[in-house]
Amino acid sequence: ESAVDGDPTTQWGAGAEPTQWIEIDLGESKEIGEMLLTVAQFPAGIT
């Protein structure tokens, strides 16, 4: 839930290497116009 709280100081962390997923349920079908994903990553590299 920290990835959808509107606060960029918090984050979801799997605590593990790939493969990992996060799933968001909008409650009902809705039209989607854009998605913005703010990266939390160290070190930098190919993802």
PDB file of all heavy atoms in Angstrom:
ATOM      1  N   GLU A   1       0.811  -1.221   0.000  1.00  0.00           N
ATOM      2  CA  GLU A   1       0.000   0.000   0.000  1.00  0.00           C
ATOM      3  C   GLU A   1       0.847   1.274   0.000  1.00  0.00           C
ATOM      4  O   GLU A   1       0.368   2.359  -0.349  1.00  0.00           O
ATOM      5  CB  GLU A   1      -0.968   0.025   1.188  1.00  0.00           C
ATOM      6  CG  GLU A   1      -0.327  -0.184   2.539  1.00  0.00           C
ATOM      7  CD  GLU A   1      -0.400  -1.634   3.003  1.00  0.00           C
ATOM      8  OE1 GLU A   1      -0.404  -2.538   2.143  1.00  0.00           O
ATOM      9  OE2 GLU A   1      -0.461  -1.847   4.228  1.00  0.00           O
ATOM     10  N   SER A   2       2.126   1.157   0.369  1.00  0.00           N
ATOM     11  CA  SER A   2       3.001   2.329   0.348  1.00  0.00           C
ATOM     12  C   SER A   2       3.291   2.802  -1.074  1.00  0.00           C
ATOM     13  O   SER A   2       3.746   3.931  -1.269  1.00  0.00           O
ATOM     14  CB  SER A   2       4.320   2.017   1.063  1.00  0.00           C
ATOM     15  OG  SER A   2       4.115   1.798   2.440  1.00  0.00           O
ATOM     16  N   ALA A   3       3.042   1.951  -2.070  1.00  0.00           N
ATOM     17  CA  ALA A   3       3.251   2.348  -3.464  1.00  0.00           C
ATOM     18  C   ALA A   3       2.059   3.090  -4.038  1.00  0.00           C
ATOM     19  O   ALA A   3       2.141   3.625  -5.155  1.00  0.00           O
ATOM     20  CB  ALA A   3       3.561   1.124  -4.322  1.00  0.00           C
ATOM     21  N   VAL A   4       0.945   3.145  -3.300  1.00  0.00           N
ATOM     22  CA  VAL A   4      -0.254   3.814  -3.811  1.00  0.00           C
ATOM     23  C   VAL A   4      -0.814   4.796  -2.775  1.00  0.00           C
ATOM     24  O   VAL A   4      -2.002   5.075  -2.741  1.00  0.00           O
ATOM     25  CB  VAL A   4      -1.333   2.783  -4.212  1.00  0.00           C
ATOM     26  CG1 VAL A   4      -0.894   2.002  -5.436  1.00  0.00           C
ATOM     27  CG2 VAL A   4      -1.670   1.834  -3.058  1.00  0.00           C
ATOM     28  N   ASP A   5       0.066   5.334  -1.913  1.00  0.00           N
ATOM     29  CA  ASP A   5      -0.389   6.250  -0.859  1.00  0.00           C
ATOM     30  C   ASP A   5      -0.187   7.713  -1.206  1.00  0.00           C
ATOM     31  O   ASP A   5      -0.486   8.596  -0.407  1.00  0.00           O
ATOM     32  CB  ASP A   5       0.295   5.920   0.468  1.00  0.00           C
ATOM     33  CG  ASP A   5       1.811   6.092   0.422  1.00  0.00           C
ATOM     34  OD1 ASP A   5       2.340   6.442  -0.652  1.00  0.00           O
ATOM     35  OD2 ASP A   5       2.461   5.855   1.463  1.00  0.00           O
ATOM     36  N   GLY A   6       0.358   7.996  -2.407  1.00  0.00           N
ATOM     37  CA  GLY A   6       0.572   9.378  -2.822  1.00  0.00           C
ATOM     38  C   GLY A   6       1.764  10.047  -2.180  1.00  0.00           C
ATOM     39  O   GLY A   6       1.999  11.237  -2.399  1.00  0.00           O
ATOM     40  N   ASP A   7       2.534   9.318  -1.400  1.00  0.00           N
ATOM     41  CA  ASP A   7       3.684   9.874  -0.687  1.00  0.00           C
ATOM     42  C   ASP A   7       4.973   9.307  -1.270  1.00  0.00           C
ATOM     43  O   ASP A   7       5.267   8.120  -1.096  1.00  0.00           O
ATOM     44  CB  ASP A   7       3.590   9.522   0.804  1.00  0.00           C
ATOM     45  CG  ASP A   7       4.690  10.156   1.632  1.00  0.00           C
ATOM     46  OD1 ASP A   7       5.638  10.726   1.045  1.00  0.00           O
ATOM     47  OD2 ASP A   7       4.614  10.075   2.868  1.00  0.00           O
ATOM     48  N   PRO A   8       5.772  10.143  -1.979  1.00  0.00           N
ATOM     49  CA  PRO A   8       7.002   9.630  -2.587  1.00  0.00           C
ATOM     50  C   PRO A   8       8.097   9.292  -1.594  1.00  0.00           C
ATOM     51  O   PRO A   8       9.135   8.761  -1.974  1.00  0.00           O
ATOM     52  CB  PRO A   8       7.431  10.777  -3.512  1.00  0.00           C
ATOM     53  CG  PRO A   8       6.853  11.999  -2.889  1.00  0.00           C
ATOM     54  CD  PRO A   8       5.556  11.569  -2.276  1.00  0.00           C
ATOM     55  N   THR A   9       7.893   9.607  -0.298  1.00  0.00           N
ATOM     56  CA  THR A   9       8.909   9.255   0.700  1.00  0.00           C
ATOM     57  C   THR A   9       8.764   7.815   1.178  1.00  0.00           C
ATOM     58  O   THR A   9       9.652   7.290   1.837  1.00  0.00           O
ATOM     59  CB  THR A   9       8.839  10.188   1.915  1.00  0.00           C
ATOM     60  OG1 THR A   9       7.604   9.965   2.618  1.00  0.00           O
ATOM     61  CG2 THR A   9       8.911  11.642   1.491  1.00  0.00           C
ATOM     62  N   THR A  10       7.617   7.187   0.876  1.00  0.00           N
ATOM     63  CA  THR A  10       7.409   5.792   1.247  1.00  0.00           C
ATOM     64  C   THR A  10       7.529   4.919   0.005  1.00  0.00           C
ATOM     65  O   THR A  10       7.483   5.412  -1.119  1.00  0.00           O
ATOM     66  CB  THR A  10       6.031   5.594   1.893  1.00  0.00           C
ATOM     67  OG1 THR A  10       5.013   5.909   0.926  1.00  0.00           O
ATOM     68  CG2 THR A  10       5.870   6.502   3.096  1.00  0.00           C
ATOM     69  N   GLN A  11       7.653   3.605   0.194  1.00  0.00           N
ATOM     70  CA  GLN A  11       7.788   2.721  -0.960  1.00  0.00           C
ATOM     71  C   GLN A  11       7.377   1.305  -0.592  1.00  0.00           C
ATOM     72  O   GLN A  11       7.401   0.909   0.572  1.00  0.00           O
ATOM     73  CB  GLN A  11       9.230   2.714  -1.465  1.00  0.00           C
ATOM     74  CG  GLN A  11      10.243   2.148  -0.467  1.00  0.00           C
ATOM     75  CD  GLN A  11      11.671   2.291  -0.942  1.00  0.00           C
ATOM     76  OE1 GLN A  11      12.059   3.315  -1.475  1.00  0.00           O
ATOM     77  NE2 GLN A  11      12.462   1.232  -0.765  1.00  0.00           N
ATOM     78  N   TRP A  12       6.955   0.557  -1.630  1.00  0.00           N
ATOM     79  CA  TRP A  12       6.818  -0.886  -1.480  1.00  0.00           C
ATOM     80  C   TRP A  12       8.169  -1.516  -1.779  1.00  0.00           C
ATOM     81  O   TRP A  12       8.815  -1.164  -2.761  1.00  0.00           O
ATOM     82  CB  TRP A  12       5.773  -1.450  -2.450  1.00  0.00           C
ATOM     83  CG  TRP A  12       5.916  -2.952  -2.610  1.00  0.00           C
ATOM     84  CD1 TRP A  12       5.720  -3.892  -1.655  1.00  0.00           C
ATOM     85  CD2 TRP A  12       6.352  -3.660  -3.782  1.00  0.00           C
ATOM     86  NE1 TRP A  12       5.981  -5.150  -2.142  1.00  0.00           N
ATOM     87  CE2 TRP A  12       6.376  -5.046  -3.455  1.00  0.00           C
ATOM     88  CE3 TRP A  12       6.720  -3.276  -5.069  1.00  0.00           C
ATOM     89  CZ2 TRP A  12       6.748  -6.019  -4.368  1.00  0.00           C
ATOM     90  CZ3 TRP A  12       7.084  -4.244  -5.983  1.00  0.00           C
ATOM     91  CH2 TRP A  12       7.095  -5.605  -5.630  1.00  0.00           C
ATOM     92  N   GLY A  13       8.573  -2.442  -0.935  1.00  0.00           N
ATOM     93  CA  GLY A  13       9.807  -3.166  -1.160  1.00  0.00           C
ATOM     94  C   GLY A  13       9.577  -4.654  -0.998  1.00  0.00           C
ATOM     95  O   GLY A  13       9.090  -5.119   0.048  1.00  0.00           O
ATOM     96  N   ALA A  14       9.913  -5.412  -2.039  1.00  0.00           N
ATOM     97  CA  ALA A  14       9.722  -6.857  -1.978  1.00  0.00           C
ATOM     98  C   ALA A  14      10.689  -7.516  -1.003  1.00  0.00           C
ATOM     99  O   ALA A  14      10.414  -8.582  -0.449  1.00  0.00           O
ATOM    100  CB  ALA A  14       9.885  -7.463  -3.367  1.00  0.00           C
ATOM    101  N   GLY A  15      11.838  -6.880  -0.802  1.00  0.00           N
ATOM    102  CA  GLY A  15      12.855  -7.490   0.045  1.00  0.00           C
ATOM    103  C   GLY A  15      13.482  -8.696  -0.596  1.00  0.00           C
ATOM    104  O   GLY A  15      14.021  -9.569   0.098  1.00  0.00           O
ATOM    105  N   ALA A  16      13.418  -8.736  -1.931  1.00  0.00           N
ATOM    106  CA  ALA A  16      13.940  -9.895  -2.652  1.00  0.00           C
ATOM    107  C   ALA A  16      14.238  -9.504  -4.094  1.00  0.00           C
ATOM    108  O   ALA A  16      13.748  -8.488  -4.599  1.00  0.00           O
ATOM    109  CB  ALA A  16      12.939 -11.045  -2.617  1.00  0.00           C
ATOM    110  N   GLU A  17      15.033 -10.329  -4.749  1.00  0.00           N
ATOM    111  CA  GLU A  17      15.394 -10.086  -6.138  1.00  0.00           C
ATOM    112  C   GLU A  17      14.262 -10.542  -7.064  1.00  0.00           C
ATOM    113  O   GLU A  17      13.333 -11.241  -6.645  1.00  0.00           O
ATOM    114  CB  GLU A  17      16.692 -10.839  -6.459  1.00  0.00           C
ATOM    115  CG  GLU A  17      17.879 -10.374  -5.628  1.00  0.00           C
ATOM    116  CD  GLU A  17      19.128 -11.192  -5.889  1.00  0.00           C
ATOM    117  OE1 GLU A  17      18.996 -12.290  -6.482  1.00  0.00           O
ATOM    118  OE2 GLU A  17      20.219 -10.750  -5.494  1.00  0.00           O
ATOM    119  N   PRO A  18      14.320 -10.162  -8.347  1.00  0.00           N
ATOM    120  CA  PRO A  18      13.301 -10.606  -9.308  1.00  0.00           C
ATOM    121  C   PRO A  18      13.304 -12.132  -9.408  1.00  0.00           C
ATOM    122  O   PRO A  18      14.315 -12.779  -9.119  1.00  0.00           O
ATOM    123  CB  PRO A  18      13.748  -9.965 -10.623  1.00  0.00           C
ATOM    124  CG  PRO A  18      14.665  -8.845 -10.212  1.00  0.00           C
ATOM    125  CD  PRO A  18      15.327  -9.291  -8.963  1.00  0.00           C
ATOM    126  N   THR A  19      12.178 -12.715  -9.791  1.00  0.00           N
ATOM    127  CA  THR A  19      10.979 -12.064 -10.293  1.00  0.00           C
ATOM    128  C   THR A  19      10.044 -11.747  -9.115  1.00  0.00           C
ATOM    129  O   THR A  19       9.808 -12.605  -8.247  1.00  0.00           O
ATOM    130  CB  THR A  19      10.274 -12.983 -11.297  1.00  0.00           C
ATOM    131  OG1 THR A  19      11.137 -13.181 -12.421  1.00  0.00           O
ATOM    132  CG2 THR A  19       8.961 -12.435 -11.752  1.00  0.00           C
ATOM    133  N   GLN A  20       9.490 -10.485  -9.113  1.00  0.00           N
ATOM    134  CA  GLN A  20       8.547 -10.062  -8.089  1.00  0.00           C
ATOM    135  C   GLN A  20       7.459  -9.222  -8.759  1.00  0.00           C
ATOM    136  O   GLN A  20       7.689  -8.604  -9.800  1.00  0.00           O
ATOM    137  CB  GLN A  20       9.232  -9.233  -7.001  1.00  0.00           C
ATOM    138  CG  GLN A  20      10.373  -9.915  -6.299  1.00  0.00           C
ATOM    139  CD  GLN A  20       9.944 -11.073  -5.437  1.00  0.00           C
ATOM    140  OE1 GLN A  20       8.799 -11.107  -4.955  1.00  0.00           O
ATOM    141  NE2 GLN A  20      10.838 -12.040  -5.226  1.00  0.00           N
ATOM    142  N   TRP A  21       6.269  -9.188  -8.143  1.00  0.00           N
ATOM    143  CA  TRP A  21       5.170  -8.418  -8.723  1.00  0.00           C
ATOM    144  C   TRP A  21       4.397  -7.675  -7.641  1.00  0.00           C
ATOM    145  O   TRP A  21       4.407  -8.044  -6.470  1.00  0.00           O
ATOM    146  CB  TRP A  21       4.220  -9.312  -9.521  1.00  0.00           C
ATOM    147  CG  TRP A  21       3.664 -10.491  -8.763  1.00  0.00           C
ATOM    148  CD1 TRP A  21       4.144 -11.762  -8.780  1.00  0.00           C
ATOM    149  CD2 TRP A  21       2.541 -10.495  -7.866  1.00  0.00           C
ATOM    150  NE1 TRP A  21       3.392 -12.570  -7.959  1.00  0.00           N
ATOM    151  CE2 TRP A  21       2.387 -11.824  -7.390  1.00  0.00           C
ATOM    152  CE3 TRP A  21       1.646  -9.532  -7.423  1.00  0.00           C
ATOM    153  CZ2 TRP A  21       1.391 -12.186  -6.489  1.00  0.00           C
ATOM    154  CZ3 TRP A  21       0.642  -9.892  -6.525  1.00  0.00           C
ATOM    155  CH2 TRP A  21       0.532 -11.196  -6.069  1.00  0.00           C
ATOM    156  N   ILE A  22       3.726  -6.603  -8.072  1.00  0.00           N
ATOM    157  CA  ILE A  22       2.762  -5.890  -7.245  1.00  0.00           C
ATOM    158  C   ILE A  22       1.497  -5.738  -8.060  1.00  0.00           C
ATOM    159  O   ILE A  22       1.549  -5.474  -9.266  1.00  0.00           O
ATOM    160  CB  ILE A  22       3.303  -4.520  -6.777  1.00  0.00           C
ATOM    161  CG1 ILE A  22       2.270  -3.820  -5.875  1.00  0.00           C
ATOM    162  CG2 ILE A  22       3.705  -3.631  -7.955  1.00  0.00           C
ATOM    163  CD1 ILE A  22       2.807  -2.581  -5.191  1.00  0.00           C
ATOM    164  N   GLU A  23       0.351  -5.928  -7.410  1.00  0.00           N
ATOM    165  CA  GLU A  23      -0.934  -5.899  -8.104  1.00  0.00           C
ATOM    166  C   GLU A  23      -1.845  -4.870  -7.448  1.00  0.00           C
ATOM    167  O   GLU A  23      -1.956  -4.817  -6.220  1.00  0.00           O
ATOM    168  CB  GLU A  23      -1.570  -7.287  -8.055  1.00  0.00           C
ATOM    169  CG  GLU A  23      -2.766  -7.458  -8.967  1.00  0.00           C
ATOM    170  CD  GLU A  23      -3.181  -8.918  -9.053  1.00  0.00           C
ATOM    171  OE1 GLU A  23      -3.994  -9.345  -8.195  1.00  0.00           O
ATOM    172  OE2 GLU A  23      -2.673  -9.630  -9.949  1.00  0.00           O
ATOM    173  N   ILE A  24      -2.506  -4.066  -8.274  1.00  0.00           N
ATOM    174  CA  ILE A  24      -3.377  -2.993  -7.793  1.00  0.00           C
ATOM    175  C   ILE A  24      -4.786  -3.237  -8.315  1.00  0.00           C
ATOM    176  O   ILE A  24      -4.996  -3.363  -9.525  1.00  0.00           O
ATOM    177  CB  ILE A  24      -2.858  -1.617  -8.259  1.00  0.00           C
ATOM    178  CG1 ILE A  24      -1.441  -1.392  -7.720  1.00  0.00           C
ATOM    179  CG2 ILE A  24      -3.784  -0.500  -7.806  1.00  0.00           C
ATOM    180  CD1 ILE A  24      -0.698  -0.274  -8.405  1.00  0.00           C
ATOM    181  N   ASP A  25      -5.739  -3.297  -7.391  1.00  0.00           N
ATOM    182  CA  ASP A  25      -7.138  -3.537  -7.732  1.00  0.00           C
ATOM    183  C   ASP A  25      -7.889  -2.207  -7.636  1.00  0.00           C
ATOM    184  O   ASP A  25      -8.015  -1.625  -6.556  1.00  0.00           O
ATOM    185  CB  ASP A  25      -7.746  -4.567  -6.775  1.00  0.00           C
ATOM    186  CG  ASP A  25      -9.132  -5.025  -7.201  1.00  0.00           C
ATOM    187  OD1 ASP A  25      -9.813  -4.281  -7.940  1.00  0.00           O
ATOM    188  OD2 ASP A  25      -9.544  -6.126  -6.794  1.00  0.00           O
ATOM    189  N   LEU A  26      -8.388  -1.704  -8.768  1.00  0.00           N
ATOM    190  CA  LEU A  26      -9.074  -0.411  -8.809  1.00  0.00           C
ATOM    191  C   LEU A  26     -10.505  -0.493  -8.297  1.00  0.00           C
ATOM    192  O   LEU A  26     -11.202   0.524  -8.239  1.00  0.00           O
ATOM    193  CB  LEU A  26      -9.070   0.130 -10.237  1.00  0.00           C
ATOM    194  CG  LEU A  26      -7.682   0.307 -10.875  1.00  0.00           C
ATOM    195  CD1 LEU A  26      -7.828   0.845 -12.295  1.00  0.00           C
ATOM    196  CD2 LEU A  26      -6.799   1.216 -10.038  1.00  0.00           C
ATOM    197  N   GLY A  27     -10.974  -1.678  -7.931  1.00  0.00           N
ATOM    198  CA  GLY A  27     -12.309  -1.827  -7.373  1.00  0.00           C
ATOM    199  C   GLY A  27     -13.375  -2.117  -8.394  1.00  0.00           C
ATOM    200  O   GLY A  27     -14.370  -2.792  -8.107  1.00  0.00           O
ATOM    201  N   GLU A  28     -13.215  -1.604  -9.591  1.00  0.00           N
ATOM    202  CA  GLU A  28     -14.121  -1.843 -10.706  1.00  0.00           C
ATOM    203  C   GLU A  28     -13.385  -1.486 -11.985  1.00  0.00           C
ATOM    204  O   GLU A  28     -12.326  -0.850 -11.956  1.00  0.00           O
ATOM    205  CB  GLU A  28     -15.391  -1.004 -10.578  1.00  0.00           C
ATOM    206  CG  GLU A  28     -15.138   0.502 -10.560  1.00  0.00           C
ATOM    207  CD  GLU A  28     -16.418   1.304 -10.368  1.00  0.00           C
ATOM    208  OE1 GLU A  28     -17.478   0.683 -10.185  1.00  0.00           O
ATOM    209  OE2 GLU A  28     -16.341   2.542 -10.410  1.00  0.00           O
ATOM    210  N   SER A  29     -13.925  -1.887 -13.109  1.00  0.00           N
ATOM    211  CA  SER A  29     -13.275  -1.573 -14.379  1.00  0.00           C
ATOM    212  C   SER A  29     -13.319  -0.076 -14.650  1.00  0.00           C
ATOM    213  O   SER A  29     -14.383   0.555 -14.527  1.00  0.00           O
ATOM    214  CB  SER A  29     -13.976  -2.323 -15.516  1.00  0.00           C
ATOM    215  OG  SER A  29     -13.711  -3.708 -15.441  1.00  0.00           O
ATOM    216  N   LYS A  30     -12.160   0.476 -14.986  1.00  0.00           N
ATOM    217  CA  LYS A  30     -12.047   1.907 -15.258  1.00  0.00           C
ATOM    218  C   LYS A  30     -11.162   2.119 -16.471  1.00  0.00           C
ATOM    219  O   LYS A  30     -10.267   1.319 -16.758  1.00  0.00           O
ATOM    220  CB  LYS A  30     -11.468   2.636 -14.048  1.00  0.00           C
ATOM    221  CG  LYS A  30     -12.349   2.555 -12.805  1.00  0.00           C
ATOM    222  CD  LYS A  30     -11.746   3.292 -11.637  1.00  0.00           C
ATOM    223  CE  LYS A  30     -12.646   3.196 -10.398  1.00  0.00           C
ATOM    224  NZ  LYS A  30     -12.077   3.907  -9.239  1.00  0.00           N
ATOM    225  N   GLU A  31     -11.411   3.228 -17.178  1.00  0.00           N
ATOM    226  CA  GLU A  31     -10.588   3.548 -18.334  1.00  0.00           C
ATOM    227  C   GLU A  31      -9.261   4.137 -17.859  1.00  0.00           C
ATOM    228  O   GLU A  31      -9.236   5.033 -17.008  1.00  0.00           O
ATOM    229  CB  GLU A  31     -11.296   4.527 -19.265  1.00  0.00           C
ATOM    230  CG  GLU A  31     -10.538   4.765 -20.567  1.00  0.00           C
ATOM    231  CD  GLU A  31     -11.314   5.591 -21.563  1.00  0.00           C
ATOM    232  OE1 GLU A  31     -12.501   5.890 -21.302  1.00  0.00           O
ATOM    233  OE2 GLU A  31     -10.737   5.948 -22.614  1.00  0.00           O
ATOM    234  N   ILE A  32      -8.187   3.621 -18.420  1.00  0.00           N
ATOM    235  CA  ILE A  32      -6.838   4.011 -18.003  1.00  0.00           C
ATOM    236  C   ILE A  32      -6.194   4.839 -19.115  1.00  0.00           C
ATOM    237  O   ILE A  32      -6.126   4.412 -20.270  1.00  0.00           O
ATOM    238  CB  ILE A  32      -5.994   2.765 -17.695  1.00  0.00           C
ATOM    239  CG1 ILE A  32      -6.584   2.031 -16.475  1.00  0.00           C
ATOM    240  CG2 ILE A  32      -4.534   3.145 -17.438  1.00  0.00           C
ATOM    241  CD1 ILE A  32      -5.977   0.673 -16.223  1.00  0.00           C
ATOM    242  N   GLY A  33      -5.715   6.026 -18.737  1.00  0.00           N
ATOM    243  CA  GLY A  33      -5.117   6.907 -19.727  1.00  0.00           C
ATOM    244  C   GLY A  33      -3.598   6.941 -19.689  1.00  0.00           C
ATOM    245  O   GLY A  33      -2.950   7.181 -20.709  1.00  0.00           O
ATOM    246  N   GLU A  34      -3.008   6.732 -18.503  1.00  0.00           N
ATOM    247  CA  GLU A  34      -1.549   6.793 -18.359  1.00  0.00           C
ATOM    248  C   GLU A  34      -1.157   6.118 -17.062  1.00  0.00           C
ATOM    249  O   GLU A  34      -1.926   6.113 -16.089  1.00  0.00           O
ATOM    250  CB  GLU A  34      -1.067   8.248 -18.359  1.00  0.00           C
ATOM    251  CG  GLU A  34       0.438   8.420 -18.223  1.00  0.00           C
ATOM    252  CD  GLU A  34       0.881   9.881 -18.132  1.00  0.00           C
ATOM    253  OE1 GLU A  34       0.026  10.727 -17.795  1.00  0.00           O
ATOM    254  OE2 GLU A  34       2.059  10.151 -18.395  1.00  0.00           O
ATOM    255  N   MET A  35       0.055   5.550 -17.042  1.00  0.00           N
ATOM    256  CA  MET A  35       0.623   5.020 -15.815  1.00  0.00           C
ATOM    257  C   MET A  35       1.992   5.642 -15.592  1.00  0.00           C
ATOM    258  O   MET A  35       2.784   5.747 -16.538  1.00  0.00           O
ATOM    259  CB  MET A  35       0.741   3.494 -15.870  1.00  0.00           C
ATOM    260  CG  MET A  35      -0.591   2.767 -15.851  1.00  0.00           C
ATOM    261  SD  MET A  35      -0.401   0.959 -15.813  1.00  0.00           S
ATOM    262  CE  MET A  35       0.514   0.750 -14.277  1.00  0.00           C
ATOM    263  N   LEU A  36       2.260   6.068 -14.356  1.00  0.00           N
ATOM    264  CA  LEU A  36       3.554   6.632 -13.970  1.00  0.00           C
ATOM    265  C   LEU A  36       4.114   5.788 -12.838  1.00  0.00           C
ATOM    266  O   LEU A  36       3.469   5.639 -11.793  1.00  0.00           O
ATOM    267  CB  LEU A  36       3.412   8.090 -13.530  1.00  0.00           C
ATOM    268  CG  LEU A  36       2.915   9.078 -14.582  1.00  0.00           C
ATOM    269  CD1 LEU A  36       2.630  10.435 -13.954  1.00  0.00           C
ATOM    270  CD2 LEU A  36       3.940   9.230 -15.701  1.00  0.00           C
ATOM    271  N   LEU A  37       5.308   5.237 -13.035  1.00  0.00           N
ATOM    272  CA  LEU A  37       5.939   4.367 -12.045  1.00  0.00           C
ATOM    273  C   LEU A  37       7.239   5.013 -11.580  1.00  0.00           C
ATOM    274  O   LEU A  37       8.160   5.201 -12.363  1.00  0.00           O
ATOM    275  CB  LEU A  37       6.228   2.984 -12.646  1.00  0.00           C
ATOM    276  CG  LEU A  37       5.024   2.097 -13.024  1.00  0.00           C
ATOM    277  CD1 LEU A  37       4.438   2.556 -14.353  1.00  0.00           C
ATOM    278  CD2 LEU A  37       5.445   0.650 -13.135  1.00  0.00           C
ATOM    279  N   THR A  38       7.284   5.379 -10.294  1.00  0.00           N
ATOM    280  CA  THR A  38       8.466   6.029  -9.734  1.00  0.00           C
ATOM    281  C   THR A  38       9.393   4.972  -9.152  1.00  0.00           C
ATOM    282  O   THR A  38       9.027   4.223  -8.240  1.00  0.00           O
ATOM    283  CB  THR A  38       8.084   7.051  -8.651  1.00  0.00           C
ATOM    284  OG1 THR A  38       7.181   8.000  -9.210  1.00  0.00           O
ATOM    285  CG2 THR A  38       9.318   7.776  -8.140  1.00  0.00           C
ATOM    286  N   VAL A  39      10.610   4.924  -9.682  1.00  0.00           N
ATOM    287  CA  VAL A  39      11.568   3.864  -9.384  1.00  0.00           C
ATOM    288  C   VAL A  39      12.166   4.017  -7.990  1.00  0.00           C
ATOM    289  O   VAL A  39      12.536   5.117  -7.571  1.00  0.00           O
ATOM    290  CB  VAL A  39      12.697   3.868 -10.442  1.00  0.00           C
ATOM    291  CG1 VAL A  39      13.794   2.864 -10.080  1.00  0.00           C
ATOM    292  CG2 VAL A  39      12.123   3.572 -11.830  1.00  0.00           C
ATOM    293  N   ALA A  40      12.265   2.905  -7.272  1.00  0.00           N
ATOM    294  CA  ALA A  40      13.067   2.811  -6.050  1.00  0.00           C
ATOM    295  C   ALA A  40      14.097   1.715  -6.311  1.00  0.00           C
ATOM    296  O   ALA A  40      13.745   0.540  -6.378  1.00  0.00           O
ATOM    297  CB  ALA A  40      12.197   2.467  -4.849  1.00  0.00           C
ATOM    298  N   GLN A  41      15.346   2.110  -6.474  1.00  0.00           N
ATOM    299  CA  GLN A  41      16.333   1.122  -6.947  1.00  0.00           C
ATOM    300  C   GLN A  41      17.746   1.509  -6.543  1.00  0.00           C
ATOM    301  O   GLN A  41      18.156   2.658  -6.689  1.00  0.00           O
ATOM    302  CB  GLN A  41      16.249   1.046  -8.484  1.00  0.00           C
ATOM    303  CG  GLN A  41      17.259   0.111  -9.135  1.00  0.00           C
ATOM    304  CD  GLN A  41      17.177   0.169 -10.658  1.00  0.00           C
ATOM    305  OE1 GLN A  41      16.127   0.465 -11.225  1.00  0.00           O
ATOM    306  NE2 GLN A  41      18.288  -0.103 -11.318  1.00  0.00           N
ATOM    307  N   PHE A  42      18.484   0.539  -6.030  1.00  0.00           N
ATOM    308  CA  PHE A  42      19.921   0.698  -5.793  1.00  0.00           C
ATOM    309  C   PHE A  42      20.583  -0.674  -5.825  1.00  0.00           C
ATOM    310  O   PHE A  42      20.147  -1.586  -5.127  1.00  0.00           O
ATOM    311  CB  PHE A  42      20.196   1.369  -4.440  1.00  0.00           C
ATOM    312  CG  PHE A  42      21.652   1.608  -4.214  1.00  0.00           C
ATOM    313  CD1 PHE A  42      22.284   2.722  -4.750  1.00  0.00           C
ATOM    314  CD2 PHE A  42      22.422   0.696  -3.495  1.00  0.00           C
ATOM    315  CE1 PHE A  42      23.640   2.928  -4.561  1.00  0.00           C
ATOM    316  CE2 PHE A  42      23.781   0.899  -3.308  1.00  0.00           C
ATOM    317  CZ  PHE A  42      24.394   2.025  -3.845  1.00  0.00           C
ATOM    318  N   PRO A  43      21.596  -0.845  -6.676  1.00  0.00           N
ATOM    319  CA  PRO A  43      22.211   0.168  -7.536  1.00  0.00           C
ATOM    320  C   PRO A  43      21.431   0.364  -8.837  1.00  0.00           C
ATOM    321  O   PRO A  43      20.507  -0.380  -9.148  1.00  0.00           O
ATOM    322  CB  PRO A  43      23.589  -0.440  -7.823  1.00  0.00           C
ATOM    323  CG  PRO A  43      23.316  -1.923  -7.809  1.00  0.00           C
ATOM    324  CD  PRO A  43      22.299  -2.133  -6.722  1.00  0.00           C
ATOM    325  N   ALA A  44      21.853   1.386  -9.611  1.00  0.00           N
ATOM    326  CA  ALA A  44      21.264   1.624 -10.925  1.00  0.00           C
ATOM    327  C   ALA A  44      21.674   0.510 -11.880  1.00  0.00           C
ATOM    328  O   ALA A  44      22.666  -0.195 -11.657  1.00  0.00           O
ATOM    329  CB  ALA A  44      21.707   2.984 -11.466  1.00  0.00           C
ATOM    330  N   GLY A  45      20.902   0.346 -12.942  1.00  0.00           N
ATOM    331  CA  GLY A  45      21.239  -0.670 -13.925  1.00  0.00           C
ATOM    332  C   GLY A  45      20.058  -1.010 -14.809  1.00  0.00           C
ATOM    333  O   GLY A  45      18.986  -0.404 -14.705  1.00  0.00           O
ATOM    334  N   ILE A  46      20.243  -1.994 -15.673  1.00  0.00           N
ATOM    335  CA  ILE A  46      19.202  -2.416 -16.600  1.00  0.00           C
ATOM    336  C   ILE A  46      18.092  -3.152 -15.845  1.00  0.00           C
ATOM    337  O   ILE A  46      18.361  -4.062 -15.057  1.00  0.00           O
ATOM    338  CB  ILE A  46      19.770  -3.335 -17.697  1.00  0.00           C
ATOM    339  CG1 ILE A  46      20.847  -2.596 -18.497  1.00  0.00           C
ATOM    340  CG2 ILE A  46      18.663  -3.827 -18.619  1.00  0.00           C
ATOM    341  CD1 ILE A  46      20.319  -1.421 -19.291  1.00  0.00           C
ATOM    342  N   THR A  47      16.842  -2.730 -16.089  1.00  0.00           N
ATOM    343  CA  THR A  47      15.689  -3.405 -15.497  1.00  0.00           C
ATOM    344  C   THR A  47      14.694  -3.769 -16.588  1.00  0.00           C
ATOM    345  O   THR A  47      14.628  -3.124 -17.637  1.00  0.00           O
ATOM    346  CB  THR A  47      14.991  -2.518 -14.449  1.00  0.00           C
ATOM    347  OG1 THR A  47      14.623  -1.268 -15.063  1.00  0.00           O
ATOM    348  CG2 THR A  47      15.892  -2.238 -13.271  1.00  0.00           C
TER     349      THR A  47
END
